[in-house]
Structure formats: C-alpha cells, structure tokens
C-alpha cells in the first residue's frame, strides 16, 4: 500500500514540474519581426506575431498579424493595430 502512495507523489511531482516548464516558456517574451507588406508574411505559425508597417493603422500604431488558431484550411490570421514602440523601421 505504501508503494501506491509513493507513485502518486511521483506523478504529482512530475505534473508540477511539467506545469512549471510550460509557464516558464509562456512567460518568455518573443521578438516580433517587422515587414513592409502583409503579403510578405508567408509561413505564419500558430502564436507567431508579425508587425506590418503598411500605413493602414493610425499614427503611432502598427498592424499586428498573428496566427490565432488552427482551421481545416490552415492557420487563421488575426490583425489588429497595436502601439508602435521605438522609431519607425524601414
């Protein structure tokens, strides 16, 4: 009966370690890349964010294209205007 309790503890410890690893990976900031046109974004991955500086957003903002979810046809793109950080890039 004691071996059952130890295996439950081991499974609980492995679950907590796995959860900690996932949280660490999610907390790591990713660098967004800038492109000049939305057509230049070819292979967008799930969760990837690309900043598009094509002039469609108001002053001080840039368009963010992100791979939001999976569909039968591929990855669905979502666009929104976000604040621009730093100087304008060419």
PDB file of N, CA and C in Angstrom:
ATOM      1  N   UNK A   1       0.827  -1.189   0.000  1.00  0.00           N
ATOM      2  CA  UNK A   1       0.000   0.000   0.000  1.00  0.00           C
ATOM      3  C   UNK A   1       0.867   1.247   0.000  1.00  0.00           C
ATOM      4  N   UNK A   2       2.048   1.169   0.576  1.00  0.00           N
ATOM      5  CA  UNK A   2       2.927   2.329   0.636  1.00  0.00           C
ATOM      6  C   UNK A   2       3.476   2.689  -0.747  1.00  0.00           C
ATOM      7  N   UNK A   3       3.695   1.693  -1.602  1.00  0.00           N
ATOM      8  CA  UNK A   3       4.197   1.947  -2.942  1.00  0.00           C
ATOM      9  C   UNK A   3       3.198   2.742  -3.768  1.00  0.00           C
ATOM     10  N   UNK A   4       1.916   2.539  -3.530  1.00  0.00           N
ATOM     11  CA  UNK A   4       0.884   3.277  -4.253  1.00  0.00           C
ATOM     12  C   UNK A   4       0.983   4.771  -3.921  1.00  0.00           C
ATOM     13  N   UNK A   5       1.191   5.092  -2.655  1.00  0.00           N
ATOM     14  CA  UNK A   5       1.295   6.491  -2.246  1.00  0.00           C
ATOM     15  C   UNK A   5       2.543   7.147  -2.839  1.00  0.00           C
ATOM     16  N   UNK A   6       3.634   6.404  -2.928  1.00  0.00           N
ATOM     17  CA  UNK A   6       4.854   6.969  -3.494  1.00  0.00           C
ATOM     18  C   UNK A   6       4.680   7.234  -4.983  1.00  0.00           C
ATOM     19  N   UNK A   7       4.005   6.358  -5.697  1.00  0.00           N
ATOM     20  CA  UNK A   7       3.827   6.579  -7.125  1.00  0.00           C
ATOM     21  C   UNK A   7       2.893   7.762  -7.365  1.00  0.00           C
ATOM     22  N   UNK A   8       1.916   7.959  -6.513  1.00  0.00           N
ATOM     23  CA  UNK A   8       1.043   9.134  -6.635  1.00  0.00           C
ATOM     24  C   UNK A   8       1.837  10.411  -6.394  1.00  0.00           C
ATOM     25  N   UNK A   9       2.733  10.366  -5.437  1.00  0.00           N
ATOM     26  CA  UNK A   9       3.576  11.538  -5.167  1.00  0.00           C
ATOM     27  C   UNK A   9       4.499  11.827  -6.346  1.00  0.00           C
ATOM     28  N   UNK A  10       5.045  10.772  -6.938  1.00  0.00           N
ATOM     29  CA  UNK A  10       5.916  10.956  -8.103  1.00  0.00           C
ATOM     30  C   UNK A  10       5.154  11.549  -9.268  1.00  0.00           C
ATOM     31  N   UNK A  11       3.932  11.046  -9.502  1.00  0.00           N
ATOM     32  CA  UNK A  11       3.125  11.592 -10.588  1.00  0.00           C
ATOM     33  C   UNK A  11       2.767  13.046 -10.331  1.00  0.00           C
ATOM     34  N   UNK A  12       2.454  13.387  -9.092  1.00  0.00           N
ATOM     35  CA  UNK A  12       2.125  14.765  -8.748  1.00  0.00           C
ATOM     36  C   UNK A  12       3.345  15.664  -8.941  1.00  0.00           C
ATOM     37  N   UNK A  13       4.525  15.191  -8.564  1.00  0.00           N
ATOM     38  CA  UNK A  13       5.745  15.975  -8.735  1.00  0.00           C
ATOM     39  C   UNK A  13       6.060  16.174 -10.212  1.00  0.00           C
ATOM     40  N   UNK A  14       5.857  15.143 -11.035  1.00  0.00           N
ATOM     41  CA  UNK A  14       6.093  15.266 -12.469  1.00  0.00           C
ATOM     42  C   UNK A  14       5.105  16.240 -13.098  1.00  0.00           C
ATOM     43  N   UNK A  15       3.864  16.212 -12.658  1.00  0.00           N
ATOM     44  CA  UNK A  15       2.853  17.135 -13.178  1.00  0.00           C
ATOM     45  C   UNK A  15       3.206  18.574 -12.840  1.00  0.00           C
ATOM     46  N   UNK A  16       3.642  18.804 -11.606  1.00  0.00           N
ATOM     47  CA  UNK A  16       4.023  20.160 -11.207  1.00  0.00           C
ATOM     48  C   UNK A  16       5.251  20.638 -11.968  1.00  0.00           C
ATOM     49  N   UNK A  17       6.198  19.758 -12.198  1.00  0.00           N
ATOM     50  CA  UNK A  17       7.393  20.129 -12.955  1.00  0.00           C
ATOM     51  C   UNK A  17       7.021  20.457 -14.398  1.00  0.00           C
ATOM     52  N   UNK A  18       6.144  19.688 -14.992  1.00  0.00           N
ATOM     53  CA  UNK A  18       5.693  19.955 -16.355  1.00  0.00           C
ATOM     54  C   UNK A  18       4.941  21.271 -16.441  1.00  0.00           C
ATOM     55  N   UNK A  19       4.090  21.544 -15.474  1.00  0.00           N
ATOM     56  CA  UNK A  19       3.360  22.802 -15.443  1.00  0.00           C
ATOM     57  C   UNK A  19       4.310  23.982 -15.292  1.00  0.00           C
ATOM     58  N   UNK A  20       5.326  23.838 -14.460  1.00  0.00           N
ATOM     59  CA  UNK A  20       6.318  24.899 -14.283  1.00  0.00           C
ATOM     60  C   UNK A  20       7.076  25.187 -15.563  1.00  0.00           C
ATOM     61  N   UNK A  21       7.417  24.149 -16.306  1.00  0.00           N
ATOM     62  CA  UNK A  21       8.119  24.319 -17.578  1.00  0.00           C
ATOM     63  C   UNK A  21       7.242  25.043 -18.589  1.00  0.00           C
ATOM     64  N   UNK A  22       5.978  24.677 -18.669  1.00  0.00           N
ATOM     65  CA  UNK A  22       5.052  25.338 -19.602  1.00  0.00           C
ATOM     66  C   UNK A  22       4.906  26.809 -19.242  1.00  0.00           C
ATOM     67  N   UNK A  23       4.750  27.120 -17.966  1.00  0.00           N
ATOM     68  CA  UNK A  23       4.615  28.508 -17.540  1.00  0.00           C
ATOM     69  C   UNK A  23       5.881  29.314 -17.840  1.00  0.00           C
ATOM     70  N   UNK A  24       7.043  28.705 -17.693  1.00  0.00           N
ATOM     71  CA  UNK A  24       8.300  29.382 -17.997  1.00  0.00           C
ATOM     72  C   UNK A  24       8.390  29.707 -19.487  1.00  0.00           C
ATOM     73  N   UNK A  25       8.004  28.772 -20.335  1.00  0.00           N
ATOM     74  CA  UNK A  25       8.047  29.005 -21.776  1.00  0.00           C
ATOM     75  C   UNK A  25       7.041  30.067 -22.209  1.00  0.00           C
ATOM     76  N   UNK A  26       5.879  30.097 -21.570  1.00  0.00           N
ATOM     77  CA  UNK A  26       4.881  31.104 -21.916  1.00  0.00           C
ATOM     78  C   UNK A  26       5.284  32.496 -21.444  1.00  0.00           C
ATOM     79  N   UNK A  27       6.044  32.579 -20.387  1.00  0.00           N
ATOM     80  CA  UNK A  27       6.432  33.869 -19.833  1.00  0.00           C
ATOM     81  C   UNK A  27       7.603  34.497 -20.580  1.00  0.00           C
ATOM     82  N   UNK A  28       8.289  33.737 -21.420  1.00  0.00           N
ATOM     83  CA  UNK A  28       9.428  34.256 -22.162  1.00  0.00           C
ATOM     84  C   UNK A  28       8.945  35.137 -23.307  1.00  0.00           C
ATOM     85  N   UNK A  29       9.350  36.402 -23.368  1.00  0.00           N
ATOM     86  CA  UNK A  29       8.877  37.270 -24.439  1.00  0.00           C
ATOM     87  C   UNK A  29       9.498  36.889 -25.772  1.00  0.00           C
ATOM     88  N   UNK A  30       8.718  37.015 -26.816  1.00  0.00           N
ATOM     89  CA  UNK A  30       9.203  36.717 -28.159  1.00  0.00           C
ATOM     90  C   UNK A  30       9.396  38.022 -28.918  1.00  0.00           C
ATOM     91  N   UNK A  31      10.402  38.068 -29.763  1.00  0.00           N
ATOM     92  CA  UNK A  31      10.669  39.243 -30.571  1.00  0.00           C
ATOM     93  C   UNK A  31       9.785  39.200 -31.811  1.00  0.00           C
ATOM     94  N   UNK A  32       9.075  40.295 -32.057  1.00  0.00           N
ATOM     95  CA  UNK A  32       8.254  40.389 -33.260  1.00  0.00           C
ATOM     96  C   UNK A  32       9.124  40.911 -34.399  1.00  0.00           C
ATOM     97  N   UNK A  33       8.819  40.479 -35.599  1.00  0.00           N
ATOM     98  CA  UNK A  33       9.572  40.947 -36.743  1.00  0.00           C
ATOM     99  C   UNK A  33       8.725  41.958 -37.510  1.00  0.00           C
ATOM    100  N   UNK A  34       9.375  42.921 -38.154  1.00  0.00           N
ATOM    101  CA  UNK A  34       8.706  43.941 -38.954  1.00  0.00           C
ATOM    102  C   UNK A  34       8.799  43.566 -40.427  1.00  0.00           C
ATOM    103  N   UNK A  35       7.698  43.762 -41.153  1.00  0.00           N
ATOM    104  CA  UNK A  35       7.694  43.642 -42.606  1.00  0.00           C
ATOM    105  C   UNK A  35       6.949  44.844 -43.175  1.00  0.00           C
ATOM    106  N   UNK A  36       7.157  45.132 -44.448  1.00  0.00           N
ATOM    107  CA  UNK A  36       6.543  46.297 -45.070  1.00  0.00           C
ATOM    108  C   UNK A  36       5.154  46.049 -45.621  1.00  0.00           C
ATOM    109  N   UNK A  37       4.857  44.810 -46.006  1.00  0.00           N
ATOM    110  CA  UNK A  37       3.556  44.480 -46.570  1.00  0.00           C
ATOM    111  C   UNK A  37       3.042  43.189 -45.955  1.00  0.00           C
ATOM    112  N   UNK A  38       1.725  43.082 -45.845  1.00  0.00           N
ATOM    113  CA  UNK A  38       1.143  41.868 -45.266  1.00  0.00           C
ATOM    114  C   UNK A  38       1.371  40.666 -46.187  1.00  0.00           C
ATOM    115  N   UNK A  39       1.523  40.892 -47.485  1.00  0.00           N
ATOM    116  CA  UNK A  39       1.777  39.802 -48.423  1.00  0.00           C
ATOM    117  C   UNK A  39       3.148  39.170 -48.192  1.00  0.00           C
ATOM    118  N   UNK A  40       4.054  39.880 -47.511  1.00  0.00           N
ATOM    119  CA  UNK A  40       5.388  39.350 -47.232  1.00  0.00           C
ATOM    120  C   UNK A  40       5.381  38.296 -46.124  1.00  0.00           C
ATOM    121  N   UNK A  41       4.289  38.185 -45.393  1.00  0.00           N
ATOM    122  CA  UNK A  41       4.162  37.180 -44.333  1.00  0.00           C
ATOM    123  C   UNK A  41       3.682  35.893 -44.995  1.00  0.00           C
ATOM    124  N   UNK A  42       4.591  34.927 -45.146  1.00  0.00           N
ATOM    125  CA  UNK A  42       4.264  33.728 -45.912  1.00  0.00           C
ATOM    126  C   UNK A  42       3.903  32.563 -44.988  1.00  0.00           C
ATOM    127  N   UNK A  43       4.830  32.081 -44.209  1.00  0.00           N
ATOM    128  CA  UNK A  43       4.610  30.910 -43.357  1.00  0.00           C
ATOM    129  C   UNK A  43       4.373  31.346 -41.919  1.00  0.00           C
ATOM    130  N   UNK A  44       3.164  31.790 -41.616  1.00  0.00           N
ATOM    131  CA  UNK A  44       2.821  32.224 -40.261  1.00  0.00           C
ATOM    132  C   UNK A  44       2.507  30.994 -39.422  1.00  0.00           C
ATOM    133  N   UNK A  45       3.169  30.883 -38.277  1.00  0.00           N
ATOM    134  CA  UNK A  45       2.957  29.753 -37.376  1.00  0.00           C
ATOM    135  C   UNK A  45       1.939  30.115 -36.306  1.00  0.00           C
ATOM    136  N   UNK A  46       1.409  29.125 -35.659  1.00  0.00           N
ATOM    137  CA  UNK A  46       0.437  29.323 -34.590  1.00  0.00           C
ATOM    138  C   UNK A  46       1.095  30.083 -33.446  1.00  0.00           C
ATOM    139  N   UNK A  47       0.529  31.218 -33.059  1.00  0.00           N
ATOM    140  CA  UNK A  47       1.065  32.037 -31.983  1.00  0.00           C
ATOM    141  C   UNK A  47       2.111  33.045 -32.413  1.00  0.00           C
ATOM    142  N   UNK A  48       2.587  32.970 -33.644  1.00  0.00           N
ATOM    143  CA  UNK A  48       3.603  33.911 -34.129  1.00  0.00           C
ATOM    144  C   UNK A  48       2.965  35.266 -34.381  1.00  0.00           C
ATOM    145  N   UNK A  49       3.706  36.334 -34.090  1.00  0.00           N
ATOM    146  CA  UNK A  49       3.238  37.701 -34.309  1.00  0.00           C
ATOM    147  C   UNK A  49       4.208  38.419 -35.224  1.00  0.00           C
ATOM    148  N   UNK A  50       3.661  39.081 -36.226  1.00  0.00           N
ATOM    149  CA  UNK A  50       4.476  39.841 -37.167  1.00  0.00           C
ATOM    150  C   UNK A  50       3.899  41.245 -37.233  1.00  0.00           C
ATOM    151  N   UNK A  51       4.759  42.267 -37.115  1.00  0.00           N
ATOM    152  CA  UNK A  51       4.334  43.649 -37.212  1.00  0.00           C
ATOM    153  C   UNK A  51       4.464  44.109 -38.656  1.00  0.00           C
ATOM    154  N   UNK A  52       3.371  44.616 -39.209  1.00  0.00           N
ATOM    155  CA  UNK A  52       3.330  45.045 -40.605  1.00  0.00           C
ATOM    156  C   UNK A  52       3.205  46.559 -40.628  1.00  0.00           C
ATOM    157  N   UNK A  53       4.183  47.225 -41.224  1.00  0.00           N
ATOM    158  CA  UNK A  53       4.198  48.684 -41.288  1.00  0.00           C
ATOM    159  C   UNK A  53       3.794  49.116 -42.699  1.00  0.00           C
ATOM    160  N   UNK A  54       2.483  49.015 -42.991  1.00  0.00           N
ATOM    161  CA  UNK A  54       2.000  49.364 -44.319  1.00  0.00           C
ATOM    162  C   UNK A  54       1.168  50.638 -44.342  1.00  0.00           C
ATOM    163  N   UNK A  55       1.069  51.342 -43.216  1.00  0.00           N
ATOM    164  CA  UNK A  55       0.369  52.621 -43.164  1.00  0.00           C
ATOM    165  C   UNK A  55      -1.137  52.513 -43.015  1.00  0.00           C
ATOM    166  N   UNK A  56      -1.671  51.340 -42.747  1.00  0.00           N
ATOM    167  CA  UNK A  56      -3.115  51.191 -42.609  1.00  0.00           C
ATOM    168  C   UNK A  56      -3.626  51.539 -41.212  1.00  0.00           C
ATOM    169  N   UNK A  57      -2.759  51.605 -40.224  1.00  0.00           N
ATOM    170  CA  UNK A  57      -3.157  51.942 -38.853  1.00  0.00           C
ATOM    171  C   UNK A  57      -2.918  53.424 -38.591  1.00  0.00           C
ATOM    172  N   UNK A  58      -3.576  53.994 -37.567  1.00  0.00           N
ATOM    173  CA  UNK A  58      -3.373  55.411 -37.235  1.00  0.00           C
ATOM    174  C   UNK A  58      -1.925  55.704 -36.824  1.00  0.00           C
ATOM    175  N   UNK A  59      -1.608  56.996 -36.747  1.00  0.00           N
ATOM    176  CA  UNK A  59      -0.258  57.421 -36.364  1.00  0.00           C
ATOM    177  C   UNK A  59       0.096  56.880 -34.986  1.00  0.00           C
ATOM    178  N   UNK A  60       1.326  56.406 -34.855  1.00  0.00           N
ATOM    179  CA  UNK A  60       1.798  55.857 -33.589  1.00  0.00           C
ATOM    180  C   UNK A  60       1.427  54.398 -33.380  1.00  0.00           C
ATOM    181  N   UNK A  61       0.782  53.778 -34.376  1.00  0.00           N
ATOM    182  CA  UNK A  61       0.405  52.378 -34.267  1.00  0.00           C
ATOM    183  C   UNK A  61       0.886  51.617 -35.496  1.00  0.00           C
ATOM    184  N   UNK A  62       0.960  50.309 -35.343  1.00  0.00           N
ATOM    185  CA  UNK A  62       1.390  49.422 -36.431  1.00  0.00           C
ATOM    186  C   UNK A  62       0.472  48.201 -36.416  1.00  0.00           C
ATOM    187  N   UNK A  63       0.264  47.582 -37.567  1.00  0.00           N
ATOM    188  CA  UNK A  63      -0.610  46.407 -37.664  1.00  0.00           C
ATOM    189  C   UNK A  63       0.129  45.175 -37.156  1.00  0.00           C
ATOM    190  N   UNK A  64      -0.545  44.402 -36.313  1.00  0.00           N
ATOM    191  CA  UNK A  64      -0.002  43.147 -35.820  1.00  0.00           C
ATOM    192  C   UNK A  64      -0.795  42.002 -36.434  1.00  0.00           C
ATOM    193  N   UNK A  65      -0.120  41.128 -37.157  1.00  0.00           N
ATOM    194  CA  UNK A  65      -0.734  39.938 -37.748  1.00  0.00           C
ATOM    195  C   UNK A  65      -0.279  38.752 -36.915  1.00  0.00           C
ATOM    196  N   UNK A  66      -1.232  37.969 -36.429  1.00  0.00           N
ATOM    197  CA  UNK A  66      -0.861  36.831 -35.591  1.00  0.00           C
ATOM    198  C   UNK A  66      -1.606  35.581 -36.041  1.00  0.00           C
ATOM    199  N   UNK A  67      -0.961  34.441 -35.865  1.00  0.00           N
ATOM    200  CA  UNK A  67      -1.600  33.158 -36.128  1.00  0.00           C
ATOM    201  C   UNK A  67      -2.406  32.775 -34.913  1.00  0.00           C
ATOM    202  N   UNK A  68      -3.728  32.906 -34.988  1.00  0.00           N
ATOM    203  CA  UNK A  68      -4.541  32.798 -33.789  1.00  0.00           C
ATOM    204  C   UNK A  68      -5.044  31.389 -33.484  1.00  0.00           C
ATOM    205  N   UNK A  69      -5.441  30.636 -34.526  1.00  0.00           N
ATOM    206  CA  UNK A  69      -5.960  29.288 -34.248  1.00  0.00           C
ATOM    207  C   UNK A  69      -5.832  28.430 -35.499  1.00  0.00           C
ATOM    208  N   UNK A  70      -5.989  27.127 -35.297  1.00  0.00           N
ATOM    209  CA  UNK A  70      -5.927  26.180 -36.408  1.00  0.00           C
ATOM    210  C   UNK A  70      -7.325  25.975 -36.993  1.00  0.00           C
ATOM    211  N   UNK A  71      -7.383  25.876 -38.312  1.00  0.00           N
ATOM    212  CA  UNK A  71      -8.612  25.536 -39.022  1.00  0.00           C
ATOM    213  C   UNK A  71      -8.279  24.409 -39.999  1.00  0.00           C
ATOM    214  N   UNK A  72      -9.283  23.899 -40.662  1.00  0.00           N
ATOM    215  CA  UNK A  72      -9.049  22.820 -41.621  1.00  0.00           C
ATOM    216  C   UNK A  72      -8.176  23.294 -42.781  1.00  0.00           C
ATOM    217  N   UNK A  73      -8.279  24.573 -43.126  1.00  0.00           N
ATOM    218  CA  UNK A  73      -7.523  25.121 -44.253  1.00  0.00           C
ATOM    219  C   UNK A  73      -6.143  25.618 -43.850  1.00  0.00           C
ATOM    220  N   UNK A  74      -5.826  25.631 -42.566  1.00  0.00           N
ATOM    221  CA  UNK A  74      -4.524  26.103 -42.094  1.00  0.00           C
ATOM    222  C   UNK A  74      -4.684  27.011 -40.890  1.00  0.00           C
ATOM    223  N   UNK A  75      -3.728  27.893 -40.706  1.00  0.00           N
ATOM    224  CA  UNK A  75      -3.738  28.791 -39.554  1.00  0.00           C
ATOM    225  C   UNK A  75      -4.525  30.045 -39.891  1.00  0.00           C
ATOM    226  N   UNK A  76      -5.437  30.424 -38.992  1.00  0.00           N
ATOM    227  CA  UNK A  76      -6.264  31.611 -39.177  1.00  0.00           C
ATOM    228  C   UNK A  76      -5.483  32.832 -38.711  1.00  0.00           C
ATOM    229  N   UNK A  77      -5.425  33.865 -39.552  1.00  0.00           N
ATOM    230  CA  UNK A  77      -4.716  35.101 -39.216  1.00  0.00           C
ATOM    231  C   UNK A  77      -5.667  36.089 -38.563  1.00  0.00           C
ATOM    232  N   UNK A  78      -5.158  36.798 -37.573  1.00  0.00           N
ATOM    233  CA  UNK A  78      -5.896  37.862 -36.913  1.00  0.00           C
ATOM    234  C   UNK A  78      -5.064  39.134 -37.017  1.00  0.00           C
ATOM    235  N   UNK A  79      -5.712  40.250 -37.351  1.00  0.00           N
ATOM    236  CA  UNK A  79      -4.985  41.517 -37.441  1.00  0.00           C
ATOM    237  C   UNK A  79      -5.595  42.527 -36.483  1.00  0.00           C
ATOM    238  N   UNK A  80      -4.728  43.370 -35.909  1.00  0.00           N
ATOM    239  CA  UNK A  80      -5.178  44.470 -35.060  1.00  0.00           C
ATOM    240  C   UNK A  80      -4.081  45.525 -35.026  1.00  0.00           C
ATOM    241  N   UNK A  81      -4.459  46.749 -34.712  1.00  0.00           N
ATOM    242  CA  UNK A  81      -3.492  47.839 -34.583  1.00  0.00           C
ATOM    243  C   UNK A  81      -2.996  47.894 -33.145  1.00  0.00           C
ATOM    244  N   UNK A  82      -1.684  47.932 -32.975  1.00  0.00           N
ATOM    245  CA  UNK A  82      -1.067  47.982 -31.646  1.00  0.00           C
ATOM    246  C   UNK A  82      -0.120  49.189 -31.589  1.00  0.00           C
ATOM    247  N   UNK A  83       0.191  49.700 -30.399  1.00  0.00           N
ATOM    248  CA  UNK A  83       1.114  50.837 -30.293  1.00  0.00           C
ATOM    249  C   UNK A  83       2.494  50.490 -30.843  1.00  0.00           C
ATOM    250  N   UNK A  84       3.083  51.459 -31.503  1.00  0.00           N
ATOM    251  CA  UNK A  84       4.438  51.301 -32.050  1.00  0.00           C
ATOM    252  C   UNK A  84       5.433  51.625 -30.945  1.00  0.00           C
ATOM    253  N   UNK A  85       6.416  50.771 -30.773  1.00  0.00           N
ATOM    254  CA  UNK A  85       7.465  51.002 -29.782  1.00  0.00           C
ATOM    255  C   UNK A  85       8.759  51.280 -30.515  1.00  0.00           C
ATOM    256  N   UNK A  86       9.394  52.376 -30.183  1.00  0.00           N
ATOM    257  CA  UNK A  86      10.663  52.722 -30.815  1.00  0.00           C
ATOM    258  C   UNK A  86      10.452  53.488 -32.105  1.00  0.00           C
ATOM    259  N   UNK A  87      11.531  53.810 -32.796  1.00  0.00           N
ATOM    260  CA  UNK A  87      11.432  54.573 -34.033  1.00  0.00           C
ATOM    261  C   UNK A  87      10.870  53.736 -35.160  1.00  0.00           C
ATOM    262  N   UNK A  88      10.339  54.410 -36.184  1.00  0.00           N
ATOM    263  CA  UNK A  88       9.789  53.716 -37.346  1.00  0.00           C
ATOM    264  C   UNK A  88      10.897  52.973 -38.074  1.00  0.00           C
ATOM    265  N   UNK A  89      10.618  51.720 -38.438  1.00  0.00           N
ATOM    266  CA  UNK A  89      11.609  50.903 -39.128  1.00  0.00           C
ATOM    267  C   UNK A  89      11.248  50.833 -40.602  1.00  0.00           C
ATOM    268  N   UNK A  90      12.290  50.795 -41.449  1.00  0.00           N
ATOM    269  CA  UNK A  90      12.058  50.768 -42.896  1.00  0.00           C
ATOM    270  C   UNK A  90      12.139  49.385 -43.448  1.00  0.00           C
TER     271      UNK A  90
END
